[in-house]
Amino acid sequence: MAEGARERGQGPESSLAIGRAAYDTMLAQARLAAPDECCGMLLGRDGSIDEARPAANVAANPRSRFEIDPQALVDAHRAQRVGGPEVIGYYHSHPLGPAEPSATDRALAVGDGRIWAIVGETGATFWRDGEAGFAALSYIVTDR
């Protein structure tokens, strides 16, 4: 484990690595957006998150829902197709709740294998959106 790294979560899968800047970006954006939910994309390669790219929350009720700006998603996927970072997953916050999938999150999940990061009152957690539902992932915050 890298110096200054942390592990959180439980799960059978190997640890997910997230860069310190990406992790700190999610936490900072969640604080700034509160009491609304923040959201964005997780970008990187080979299952390693190198960037948390904030996006506008265009949900009709951003206090209790999130919807990533569709143009931001299109732009990220276009960049990926020409060699840019991979869209590994998404993140959002629960300003007044736990860092775990809500009933709404579970209802909206599509089982595509992407990673969801959820920032709650006590930090962030990471989840794999699988066919059987969300599975908690362990993770390491690296100083890269």
N, C-alpha and C. Protein backbone atom coordinates (compact mmCIF):
# COMPACT_ATOMS: atom_id res chain seq x y z
N MET A 1 0.85 -1.17 0.00
CA MET A 1 0.00 0.00 0.00
C MET A 1 0.90 1.23 0.00
N ALA A 2 0.55 2.23 -0.79
CA ALA A 2 1.33 3.46 -0.88
C ALA A 2 1.30 4.23 0.43
N GLU A 3 2.37 4.96 0.67
CA GLU A 3 2.41 5.78 1.88
C GLU A 3 1.24 6.76 1.86
N GLY A 4 0.56 6.87 2.96
CA GLY A 4 -0.58 7.79 3.06
C GLY A 4 -1.87 7.21 2.51
N ALA A 5 -1.84 5.97 2.07
CA ALA A 5 -3.05 5.36 1.51
C ALA A 5 -3.96 4.87 2.63
N ARG A 6 -5.25 4.73 2.29
CA ARG A 6 -6.24 4.21 3.22
C ARG A 6 -7.04 3.13 2.53
N GLU A 7 -7.53 2.19 3.32
CA GLU A 7 -8.44 1.17 2.80
C GLU A 7 -9.77 1.32 3.50
N ARG A 8 -10.84 1.16 2.75
CA ARG A 8 -12.18 1.19 3.32
C ARG A 8 -13.02 0.18 2.57
N GLY A 9 -14.15 -0.15 3.14
CA GLY A 9 -15.10 -1.02 2.47
C GLY A 9 -14.78 -2.49 2.69
N GLN A 10 -15.70 -3.30 2.29
CA GLN A 10 -15.57 -4.74 2.40
C GLN A 10 -15.96 -5.31 1.05
N GLY A 11 -15.44 -6.41 0.71
CA GLY A 11 -15.86 -7.04 -0.52
C GLY A 11 -14.85 -8.03 -1.03
N PRO A 12 -15.31 -8.96 -1.86
CA PRO A 12 -14.45 -10.01 -2.35
C PRO A 12 -13.53 -9.55 -3.48
N GLU A 13 -13.82 -8.41 -4.11
CA GLU A 13 -13.02 -7.97 -5.24
C GLU A 13 -11.72 -7.34 -4.77
N SER A 14 -10.76 -7.26 -5.70
CA SER A 14 -9.50 -6.62 -5.36
C SER A 14 -9.74 -5.14 -5.09
N SER A 15 -8.79 -4.53 -4.41
CA SER A 15 -8.94 -3.13 -4.05
C SER A 15 -8.93 -2.23 -5.28
N LEU A 16 -9.71 -1.23 -5.22
CA LEU A 16 -9.77 -0.18 -6.22
C LEU A 16 -8.80 0.91 -5.78
N ALA A 17 -8.03 1.45 -6.69
CA ALA A 17 -7.11 2.54 -6.36
C ALA A 17 -7.71 3.85 -6.86
N ILE A 18 -7.70 4.85 -6.00
CA ILE A 18 -8.15 6.18 -6.39
C ILE A 18 -7.08 7.18 -5.96
N GLY A 19 -6.74 8.07 -6.87
CA GLY A 19 -5.74 9.09 -6.57
C GLY A 19 -6.27 10.09 -5.54
N ARG A 20 -5.36 10.58 -4.72
CA ARG A 20 -5.71 11.55 -3.68
C ARG A 20 -6.47 12.76 -4.26
N ALA A 21 -6.02 13.31 -5.37
CA ALA A 21 -6.68 14.49 -5.95
C ALA A 21 -8.12 14.17 -6.34
N ALA A 22 -8.35 13.00 -6.91
CA ALA A 22 -9.70 12.60 -7.30
C ALA A 22 -10.59 12.45 -6.07
N TYR A 23 -10.07 11.79 -5.05
CA TYR A 23 -10.83 11.58 -3.82
C TYR A 23 -11.17 12.93 -3.18
N ASP A 24 -10.17 13.79 -3.08
CA ASP A 24 -10.40 15.10 -2.46
C ASP A 24 -11.38 15.96 -3.27
N THR A 25 -11.35 15.82 -4.59
CA THR A 25 -12.30 16.55 -5.44
C THR A 25 -13.73 16.17 -5.12
N MET A 26 -13.99 14.87 -4.97
CA MET A 26 -15.35 14.42 -4.64
C MET A 26 -15.81 15.00 -3.30
N LEU A 27 -14.95 14.91 -2.29
CA LEU A 27 -15.32 15.42 -0.97
C LEU A 27 -15.56 16.92 -0.99
N ALA A 28 -14.70 17.66 -1.68
CA ALA A 28 -14.84 19.11 -1.75
C ALA A 28 -16.10 19.50 -2.50
N GLN A 29 -16.38 18.83 -3.60
CA GLN A 29 -17.57 19.17 -4.36
C GLN A 29 -18.83 18.87 -3.55
N ALA A 30 -18.82 17.78 -2.79
CA ALA A 30 -19.98 17.44 -1.96
C ALA A 30 -20.22 18.54 -0.92
N ARG A 31 -19.15 19.02 -0.31
CA ARG A 31 -19.30 20.10 0.69
C ARG A 31 -19.86 21.37 0.05
N LEU A 32 -19.33 21.71 -1.14
CA LEU A 32 -19.77 22.94 -1.82
C LEU A 32 -21.22 22.87 -2.29
N ALA A 33 -21.64 21.70 -2.73
CA ALA A 33 -22.99 21.55 -3.28
C ALA A 33 -24.07 21.45 -2.21
N ALA A 34 -23.71 21.00 -1.01
CA ALA A 34 -24.70 20.79 0.05
C ALA A 34 -25.50 22.06 0.30
N PRO A 35 -26.79 21.94 0.49
CA PRO A 35 -27.56 20.72 0.76
C PRO A 35 -28.01 19.95 -0.48
N ASP A 36 -27.61 20.40 -1.68
CA ASP A 36 -27.92 19.66 -2.90
C ASP A 36 -26.94 18.50 -3.06
N GLU A 37 -27.33 17.53 -3.88
CA GLU A 37 -26.42 16.44 -4.22
C GLU A 37 -25.48 16.92 -5.32
N CYS A 38 -24.23 16.54 -5.24
CA CYS A 38 -23.28 16.80 -6.32
C CYS A 38 -23.19 15.52 -7.16
N CYS A 39 -22.56 15.64 -8.31
CA CYS A 39 -22.37 14.46 -9.14
C CYS A 39 -21.24 14.69 -10.13
N GLY A 40 -20.77 13.59 -10.69
CA GLY A 40 -19.70 13.67 -11.68
C GLY A 40 -19.31 12.29 -12.15
N MET A 41 -18.22 12.25 -12.89
CA MET A 41 -17.74 11.00 -13.48
C MET A 41 -16.40 10.61 -12.89
N LEU A 42 -16.15 9.31 -12.84
CA LEU A 42 -14.88 8.75 -12.39
C LEU A 42 -14.12 8.31 -13.63
N LEU A 43 -12.94 8.88 -13.83
CA LEU A 43 -12.16 8.61 -15.04
C LEU A 43 -10.83 7.98 -14.68
N GLY A 44 -10.34 7.11 -15.56
CA GLY A 44 -9.05 6.48 -15.33
C GLY A 44 -8.78 5.40 -16.35
N ARG A 45 -8.00 4.41 -15.91
CA ARG A 45 -7.66 3.28 -16.76
C ARG A 45 -7.46 2.04 -15.89
N ASP A 46 -7.81 0.90 -16.47
CA ASP A 46 -7.57 -0.39 -15.82
C ASP A 46 -8.10 -0.44 -14.39
N GLY A 47 -9.25 0.13 -14.15
CA GLY A 47 -9.87 0.07 -12.83
C GLY A 47 -9.26 1.01 -11.81
N SER A 48 -8.34 1.87 -12.22
CA SER A 48 -7.74 2.84 -11.32
C SER A 48 -8.34 4.22 -11.61
N ILE A 49 -8.84 4.88 -10.58
CA ILE A 49 -9.47 6.18 -10.76
C ILE A 49 -8.42 7.28 -10.63
N ASP A 50 -8.24 8.01 -11.72
CA ASP A 50 -7.26 9.08 -11.75
C ASP A 50 -7.89 10.47 -11.62
N GLU A 51 -9.16 10.57 -11.98
CA GLU A 51 -9.83 11.87 -11.95
C GLU A 51 -11.29 11.71 -11.57
N ALA A 52 -11.75 12.61 -10.71
CA ALA A 52 -13.18 12.76 -10.45
C ALA A 52 -13.57 14.06 -11.13
N ARG A 53 -14.30 13.95 -12.22
CA ARG A 53 -14.65 15.13 -13.01
C ARG A 53 -16.06 15.60 -12.64
N PRO A 54 -16.15 16.75 -11.96
CA PRO A 54 -17.47 17.27 -11.58
C PRO A 54 -18.33 17.58 -12.81
N ALA A 55 -19.63 17.43 -12.63
CA ALA A 55 -20.60 17.76 -13.67
C ALA A 55 -21.78 18.46 -13.00
N ALA A 56 -22.50 19.21 -13.78
CA ALA A 56 -23.70 19.87 -13.26
C ALA A 56 -24.74 18.80 -12.92
N ASN A 57 -25.42 19.01 -11.81
CA ASN A 57 -26.55 18.15 -11.43
C ASN A 57 -27.79 18.79 -12.03
N VAL A 58 -28.33 18.18 -13.08
CA VAL A 58 -29.47 18.75 -13.78
C VAL A 58 -30.80 18.11 -13.36
N ALA A 59 -30.79 17.40 -12.25
CA ALA A 59 -32.03 16.79 -11.75
C ALA A 59 -33.05 17.87 -11.40
N ALA A 60 -34.32 17.55 -11.58
CA ALA A 60 -35.39 18.50 -11.25
C ALA A 60 -35.38 18.85 -9.77
N ASN A 61 -34.99 17.90 -8.92
CA ASN A 61 -34.93 18.13 -7.48
C ASN A 61 -33.54 17.72 -6.97
N PRO A 62 -32.53 18.59 -7.13
CA PRO A 62 -31.16 18.22 -6.76
C PRO A 62 -30.93 18.03 -5.26
N ARG A 63 -31.90 18.37 -4.43
CA ARG A 63 -31.74 18.11 -3.00
C ARG A 63 -31.84 16.63 -2.68
N SER A 64 -32.54 15.89 -3.52
CA SER A 64 -32.73 14.46 -3.21
C SER A 64 -32.46 13.54 -4.41
N ARG A 65 -32.01 14.09 -5.51
CA ARG A 65 -31.73 13.29 -6.71
C ARG A 65 -30.50 13.85 -7.40
N PHE A 66 -29.91 13.03 -8.26
CA PHE A 66 -28.85 13.54 -9.12
C PHE A 66 -29.07 13.05 -10.53
N GLU A 67 -28.66 13.87 -11.47
CA GLU A 67 -28.64 13.52 -12.88
C GLU A 67 -27.46 14.25 -13.48
N ILE A 68 -26.49 13.50 -13.96
CA ILE A 68 -25.30 14.10 -14.55
C ILE A 68 -25.69 14.77 -15.86
N ASP A 69 -25.20 15.98 -16.05
CA ASP A 69 -25.45 16.73 -17.28
C ASP A 69 -25.15 15.84 -18.49
N PRO A 70 -26.14 15.57 -19.34
CA PRO A 70 -25.93 14.66 -20.47
C PRO A 70 -24.78 15.10 -21.39
N GLN A 71 -24.59 16.40 -21.59
CA GLN A 71 -23.50 16.84 -22.46
C GLN A 71 -22.14 16.49 -21.87
N ALA A 72 -22.01 16.56 -20.56
CA ALA A 72 -20.75 16.18 -19.92
C ALA A 72 -20.47 14.69 -20.16
N LEU A 73 -21.50 13.86 -20.10
CA LEU A 73 -21.34 12.42 -20.37
C LEU A 73 -20.93 12.18 -21.82
N VAL A 74 -21.60 12.85 -22.74
CA VAL A 74 -21.27 12.70 -24.16
C VAL A 74 -19.83 13.11 -24.40
N ASP A 75 -19.43 14.25 -23.85
CA ASP A 75 -18.06 14.74 -24.04
C ASP A 75 -17.03 13.75 -23.50
N ALA A 76 -17.29 13.19 -22.31
CA ALA A 76 -16.34 12.24 -21.71
C ALA A 76 -16.24 10.96 -22.54
N HIS A 77 -17.36 10.47 -23.05
CA HIS A 77 -17.33 9.25 -23.86
C HIS A 77 -16.66 9.50 -25.21
N ARG A 78 -16.88 10.68 -25.79
CA ARG A 78 -16.19 11.02 -27.04
C ARG A 78 -14.69 11.07 -26.83
N ALA A 79 -14.26 11.70 -25.74
CA ALA A 79 -12.83 11.78 -25.44
C ALA A 79 -12.24 10.38 -25.24
N GLN A 80 -12.98 9.50 -24.59
CA GLN A 80 -12.52 8.13 -24.36
C GLN A 80 -12.30 7.42 -25.69
N ARG A 81 -13.20 7.61 -26.63
CA ARG A 81 -13.10 6.94 -27.93
C ARG A 81 -11.85 7.34 -28.71
N VAL A 82 -11.29 8.51 -28.42
CA VAL A 82 -10.10 8.96 -29.15
C VAL A 82 -8.85 8.91 -28.26
N GLY A 83 -8.88 8.04 -27.24
CA GLY A 83 -7.70 7.81 -26.43
C GLY A 83 -7.67 8.50 -25.08
N GLY A 84 -8.72 9.21 -24.74
CA GLY A 84 -8.79 9.87 -23.43
C GLY A 84 -9.07 8.86 -22.33
N PRO A 85 -9.15 9.34 -21.10
CA PRO A 85 -9.40 8.42 -19.99
C PRO A 85 -10.75 7.72 -20.11
N GLU A 86 -10.79 6.53 -19.57
CA GLU A 86 -12.01 5.71 -19.59
C GLU A 86 -13.00 6.23 -18.54
N VAL A 87 -14.28 6.21 -18.89
CA VAL A 87 -15.34 6.51 -17.92
C VAL A 87 -15.56 5.22 -17.14
N ILE A 88 -14.96 5.16 -15.95
CA ILE A 88 -15.02 3.96 -15.11
C ILE A 88 -16.33 3.91 -14.33
N GLY A 89 -16.86 5.08 -14.02
CA GLY A 89 -18.09 5.13 -13.24
C GLY A 89 -18.50 6.54 -12.93
N TYR A 90 -19.27 6.67 -11.87
CA TYR A 90 -19.91 7.94 -11.52
C TYR A 90 -19.86 8.15 -10.02
N TYR A 91 -20.04 9.39 -9.61
CA TYR A 91 -20.14 9.65 -8.17
C TYR A 91 -21.25 10.66 -7.92
N HIS A 92 -21.76 10.60 -6.70
CA HIS A 92 -22.73 11.60 -6.25
C HIS A 92 -22.69 11.63 -4.73
N SER A 93 -23.40 12.58 -4.17
CA SER A 93 -23.38 12.72 -2.72
C SER A 93 -24.75 12.51 -2.10
N HIS A 94 -24.72 12.15 -0.85
CA HIS A 94 -25.90 12.09 0.02
C HIS A 94 -25.62 13.06 1.16
N PRO A 95 -25.92 14.35 0.97
CA PRO A 95 -25.51 15.38 1.94
C PRO A 95 -25.98 15.13 3.37
N LEU A 96 -27.13 14.53 3.53
CA LEU A 96 -27.66 14.30 4.88
C LEU A 96 -27.81 12.82 5.21
N GLY A 97 -27.11 11.99 4.47
CA GLY A 97 -27.30 10.56 4.68
C GLY A 97 -26.02 9.77 4.59
N PRO A 98 -26.17 8.46 4.69
CA PRO A 98 -25.00 7.59 4.66
C PRO A 98 -24.42 7.44 3.26
N ALA A 99 -23.16 7.07 3.21
CA ALA A 99 -22.46 6.85 1.95
C ALA A 99 -22.72 5.43 1.45
N GLU A 100 -23.97 5.16 1.18
CA GLU A 100 -24.36 3.85 0.66
C GLU A 100 -25.53 4.04 -0.29
N PRO A 101 -25.74 3.09 -1.20
CA PRO A 101 -26.82 3.24 -2.18
C PRO A 101 -28.19 3.38 -1.50
N SER A 102 -28.92 4.38 -1.91
CA SER A 102 -30.28 4.59 -1.40
C SER A 102 -31.25 3.72 -2.20
N ALA A 103 -32.49 3.70 -1.78
CA ALA A 103 -33.52 2.98 -2.53
C ALA A 103 -33.62 3.53 -3.95
N THR A 104 -33.50 4.84 -4.09
CA THR A 104 -33.54 5.46 -5.42
C THR A 104 -32.35 5.01 -6.25
N ASP A 105 -31.15 5.01 -5.65
CA ASP A 105 -29.96 4.55 -6.37
C ASP A 105 -30.16 3.12 -6.86
N ARG A 106 -30.68 2.28 -6.00
CA ARG A 106 -30.89 0.87 -6.37
C ARG A 106 -31.90 0.74 -7.51
N ALA A 107 -32.94 1.56 -7.48
CA ALA A 107 -33.95 1.51 -8.53
C ALA A 107 -33.41 1.99 -9.87
N LEU A 108 -32.47 2.94 -9.84
CA LEU A 108 -31.94 3.51 -11.08
C LEU A 108 -30.73 2.76 -11.63
N ALA A 109 -30.15 1.87 -10.85
CA ALA A 109 -28.98 1.12 -11.29
C ALA A 109 -29.32 0.23 -12.48
N VAL A 110 -28.35 0.08 -13.38
CA VAL A 110 -28.60 -0.70 -14.59
C VAL A 110 -27.79 -1.99 -14.67
N GLY A 111 -26.94 -2.25 -13.67
CA GLY A 111 -26.18 -3.49 -13.67
C GLY A 111 -25.11 -3.56 -14.74
N ASP A 112 -24.50 -2.40 -15.06
CA ASP A 112 -23.53 -2.35 -16.14
C ASP A 112 -22.08 -2.57 -15.71
N GLY A 113 -21.86 -2.86 -14.43
CA GLY A 113 -20.51 -3.13 -13.95
C GLY A 113 -19.70 -1.89 -13.62
N ARG A 114 -20.25 -0.73 -13.81
CA ARG A 114 -19.52 0.51 -13.51
C ARG A 114 -19.42 0.71 -12.01
N ILE A 115 -18.52 1.59 -11.64
CA ILE A 115 -18.29 1.91 -10.23
C ILE A 115 -19.12 3.14 -9.87
N TRP A 116 -19.74 3.09 -8.73
CA TRP A 116 -20.43 4.25 -8.15
C TRP A 116 -19.69 4.62 -6.88
N ALA A 117 -19.34 5.88 -6.76
CA ALA A 117 -18.81 6.40 -5.50
C ALA A 117 -19.92 7.24 -4.89
N ILE A 118 -20.12 7.08 -3.60
CA ILE A 118 -21.14 7.86 -2.90
C ILE A 118 -20.47 8.55 -1.72
N VAL A 119 -20.61 9.87 -1.69
CA VAL A 119 -20.04 10.66 -0.60
C VAL A 119 -21.18 10.96 0.38
N GLY A 120 -21.00 10.52 1.61
CA GLY A 120 -22.00 10.76 2.65
C GLY A 120 -21.43 11.64 3.74
N GLU A 121 -22.13 11.66 4.84
CA GLU A 121 -21.73 12.52 5.96
C GLU A 121 -20.38 12.14 6.54
N THR A 122 -19.97 10.89 6.40
CA THR A 122 -18.73 10.44 7.04
C THR A 122 -17.64 10.04 6.06
N GLY A 123 -17.76 10.40 4.80
CA GLY A 123 -16.74 10.06 3.82
C GLY A 123 -17.34 9.43 2.59
N ALA A 124 -16.52 8.68 1.87
CA ALA A 124 -16.95 8.09 0.60
C ALA A 124 -16.85 6.57 0.64
N THR A 125 -17.72 5.95 -0.12
CA THR A 125 -17.66 4.50 -0.33
C THR A 125 -17.77 4.24 -1.82
N PHE A 126 -17.34 3.04 -2.23
CA PHE A 126 -17.34 2.68 -3.64
C PHE A 126 -18.10 1.38 -3.80
N TRP A 127 -18.85 1.29 -4.91
CA TRP A 127 -19.74 0.17 -5.16
C TRP A 127 -19.65 -0.24 -6.62
N ARG A 128 -19.74 -1.54 -6.88
CA ARG A 128 -19.83 -2.05 -8.25
C ARG A 128 -21.31 -2.27 -8.54
N ASP A 129 -21.78 -1.69 -9.65
CA ASP A 129 -23.18 -1.83 -10.08
C ASP A 129 -23.27 -3.09 -10.95
N GLY A 130 -23.49 -4.21 -10.31
CA GLY A 130 -23.54 -5.48 -11.02
C GLY A 130 -24.95 -5.95 -11.30
N GLU A 131 -25.05 -7.05 -12.02
CA GLU A 131 -26.36 -7.60 -12.39
C GLU A 131 -27.19 -7.96 -11.17
N ALA A 132 -26.54 -8.35 -10.08
CA ALA A 132 -27.26 -8.73 -8.86
C ALA A 132 -27.45 -7.55 -7.90
N GLY A 133 -27.07 -6.36 -8.33
CA GLY A 133 -27.20 -5.18 -7.48
C GLY A 133 -25.83 -4.64 -7.11
N PHE A 134 -25.82 -3.74 -6.15
CA PHE A 134 -24.57 -3.10 -5.73
C PHE A 134 -23.75 -4.02 -4.83
N ALA A 135 -22.45 -4.04 -5.06
CA ALA A 135 -21.52 -4.77 -4.20
C ALA A 135 -20.47 -3.78 -3.71
N ALA A 136 -20.25 -3.75 -2.40
CA ALA A 136 -19.26 -2.84 -1.81
C ALA A 136 -17.86 -3.22 -2.28
N LEU A 137 -17.05 -2.20 -2.54
CA LEU A 137 -15.66 -2.40 -2.96
C LEU A 137 -14.73 -1.84 -1.90
N SER A 138 -13.62 -2.53 -1.68
CA SER A 138 -12.57 -1.94 -0.85
C SER A 138 -11.80 -0.98 -1.75
N TYR A 139 -11.14 -0.01 -1.14
CA TYR A 139 -10.38 0.93 -1.96
C TYR A 139 -9.18 1.45 -1.22
N ILE A 140 -8.24 1.95 -1.99
CA ILE A 140 -7.02 2.55 -1.48
C ILE A 140 -6.92 3.95 -2.08
N VAL A 141 -6.72 4.95 -1.24
CA VAL A 141 -6.46 6.32 -1.70
C VAL A 141 -4.95 6.43 -1.79
N THR A 142 -4.44 6.71 -3.00
CA THR A 142 -3.00 6.79 -3.21
C THR A 142 -2.55 8.24 -3.34
N ASP A 143 -1.30 8.47 -3.07
CA ASP A 143 -0.73 9.81 -3.16
C ASP A 143 -0.08 10.05 -4.52
N ARG A 144 -0.72 9.64 -5.56
CA ARG A 144 -0.15 9.86 -6.90
C ARG A 144 -0.81 11.02 -7.58
